[in-house]
Amino acid sequence: MAEKTRYNDEELEEFRQIILEKLAVAKSDYNKLLEELSNSSGNGVEDTSPSLQALEEGSEAQAKTQLLQMAERTHKFIKGLEGALVRIHNKTYGICRETGKLIPKERLRAVPHATLCIEAKQDKHRH
């Protein structure tokens, strides 16, 4: 029996549904992060002592930095999921871009935007 070179339409549809669900959650999370970032300026520390005000401003800046990093990661995740939808449409989804072999379904269910099989990913980290 020849080795399977791509997932069939039914399998691609299963992955598409998984991705659409994850995409909806990620977009909702992203919007909440953006909303939190836009609301995080000015918590009204004007009436506190200067040393406490400096501490609050410092932790506020750190919190804002963390929110920005989370927003960037979420945005990158959304772009990865959107790329996966394009690959599903092109029927190239689930094919490792390094080896050309099919990425196992278990990996794609866990990491639906994966473009590398585990072996290729491990090789990449070794070099």
Protein backbone atom coordinates (compact mmCIF):
# COMPACT_ATOMS: atom_id res chain seq x y z
CA MET A 1 0.00 0.00 0.00
CA ALA A 2 1.40 3.38 -0.98
CA GLU A 3 2.13 5.91 1.74
CA LYS A 4 -0.57 8.54 2.03
CA THR A 5 0.61 11.90 0.65
CA ARG A 6 -2.24 14.15 1.83
CA TYR A 7 -5.31 14.16 4.02
CA ASN A 8 -8.63 13.53 2.28
CA ASP A 9 -11.38 16.15 2.15
CA GLU A 10 -13.25 14.66 5.11
CA GLU A 11 -10.11 14.77 7.27
CA LEU A 12 -9.36 18.31 6.09
CA GLU A 13 -12.88 19.35 7.09
CA GLU A 14 -12.33 17.92 10.59
CA PHE A 15 -9.15 20.00 10.92
CA ARG A 16 -10.92 23.05 9.50
CA GLN A 17 -13.56 22.82 12.25
CA ILE A 18 -10.88 22.49 14.95
CA ILE A 19 -9.05 25.51 13.54
CA LEU A 20 -12.20 27.63 13.23
CA GLU A 21 -13.03 26.93 16.91
CA LYS A 22 -9.50 27.82 18.03
CA LEU A 23 -9.53 30.90 15.79
CA ALA A 24 -12.77 32.17 17.34
CA VAL A 25 -11.34 31.78 20.85
CA ALA A 26 -8.00 33.36 19.88
CA LYS A 27 -9.69 36.36 18.24
CA SER A 28 -11.89 36.86 21.29
CA ASP A 29 -8.81 36.65 23.57
CA TYR A 30 -6.93 39.07 21.32
CA ASN A 31 -9.76 41.61 21.40
CA LYS A 32 -9.93 41.35 25.21
CA LEU A 33 -6.17 41.93 25.43
CA LEU A 34 -6.41 44.98 23.17
CA GLU A 35 -9.29 46.31 25.23
CA GLU A 36 -7.33 45.78 28.43
CA LEU A 37 -4.32 47.52 26.92
CA SER A 38 -6.36 50.55 25.89
CA ASN A 39 -7.96 50.72 29.36
CA SER A 40 -4.76 50.17 31.32
CA SER A 41 -3.51 53.74 30.98
CA GLY A 42 -4.22 55.79 34.06
CA ASN A 43 -5.46 53.93 37.12
CA GLY A 44 -5.73 57.11 39.11
CA VAL A 45 -2.60 57.05 41.25
CA GLU A 46 -2.33 60.85 41.36
CA ASP A 47 -3.46 61.08 44.99
CA THR A 48 -0.96 58.52 46.38
CA SER A 49 2.45 59.28 47.78
CA PRO A 50 5.27 59.76 45.22
CA SER A 51 7.08 56.52 46.20
CA LEU A 52 3.88 54.45 45.98
CA GLN A 53 3.01 56.20 42.74
CA ALA A 54 6.41 55.23 41.28
CA LEU A 55 5.90 51.61 42.38
CA GLU A 56 2.43 51.51 40.87
CA GLU A 57 3.62 53.08 37.64
CA GLY A 58 6.47 50.55 37.48
CA SER A 59 4.18 47.57 37.98
CA GLU A 60 1.69 49.12 35.58
CA ALA A 61 4.41 49.37 32.93
CA GLN A 62 5.40 45.75 33.58
CA ALA A 63 1.79 44.62 33.33
CA LYS A 64 1.37 46.57 30.09
CA THR A 65 4.53 44.93 28.69
CA GLN A 66 3.16 41.49 29.60
CA LEU A 67 -0.18 42.32 27.97
CA LEU A 68 1.63 43.47 24.82
CA GLN A 69 3.64 40.24 24.71
CA MET A 70 0.47 38.17 25.16
CA ALA A 71 -1.25 40.17 22.43
CA GLU A 72 1.71 39.63 20.07
CA ARG A 73 1.74 35.87 20.74
CA THR A 74 -2.02 35.67 20.26
CA HIS A 75 -1.78 37.65 17.01
CA LYS A 76 0.97 35.31 15.76
CA PHE A 77 -1.20 32.30 16.71
CA ILE A 78 -4.16 33.80 14.78
CA LYS A 79 -1.93 34.32 11.71
CA GLY A 80 -0.73 30.70 12.02
CA LEU A 81 -4.31 29.42 12.18
CA GLU A 82 -5.32 31.57 9.21
CA GLY A 83 -2.35 30.16 7.27
CA ALA A 84 -3.53 26.67 8.15
CA LEU A 85 -6.97 27.47 6.70
CA VAL A 86 -5.29 28.55 3.46
CA ARG A 87 -3.34 25.26 3.38
CA ILE A 88 -6.60 23.35 3.93
CA HIS A 89 -8.17 25.24 1.02
CA ASN A 90 -5.10 24.41 -1.12
CA LYS A 91 -5.18 20.80 0.11
CA THR A 92 -1.58 21.06 1.35
CA TYR A 93 -2.53 21.07 5.04
CA GLY A 94 -0.71 18.59 7.25
CA ILE A 95 2.26 18.11 4.94
CA CYS A 96 5.61 18.80 6.61
CA ARG A 97 7.36 21.65 4.78
CA GLU A 98 10.77 20.06 5.44
CA THR A 99 10.22 16.35 4.81
CA GLY A 100 7.10 16.38 2.61
CA LYS A 101 5.61 13.64 4.81
CA LEU A 102 2.24 13.81 6.49
CA ILE A 103 2.25 15.30 9.98
CA PRO A 104 0.46 12.85 12.31
CA LYS A 105 -3.16 13.69 13.13
CA GLU A 106 -2.42 13.69 16.87
CA ARG A 107 0.10 16.50 16.39
CA LEU A 108 -2.25 18.50 14.18
CA ARG A 109 -5.08 18.15 16.68
CA ALA A 110 -2.78 19.49 19.42
CA VAL A 111 -1.01 22.09 17.24
CA PRO A 112 -3.35 22.72 14.28
CA HIS A 113 -1.09 25.39 12.76
CA ALA A 114 1.97 23.09 12.69
CA THR A 115 3.94 23.08 9.44
CA LEU A 116 6.68 20.71 10.61
CA CYS A 117 6.56 17.12 11.76
CA ILE A 118 8.22 16.41 15.13
CA GLU A 119 11.40 15.05 13.50
CA ALA A 120 11.88 18.15 11.36
CA LYS A 121 11.16 20.43 14.32
CA GLN A 122 13.70 18.59 16.48
CA ASP A 123 16.29 18.73 13.66
CA LYS A 124 15.70 22.46 13.35
CA HIS A 125 16.34 22.97 17.07
CA ARG A 126 19.57 20.92 16.93
CA HIS A 127 21.09 23.18 14.27
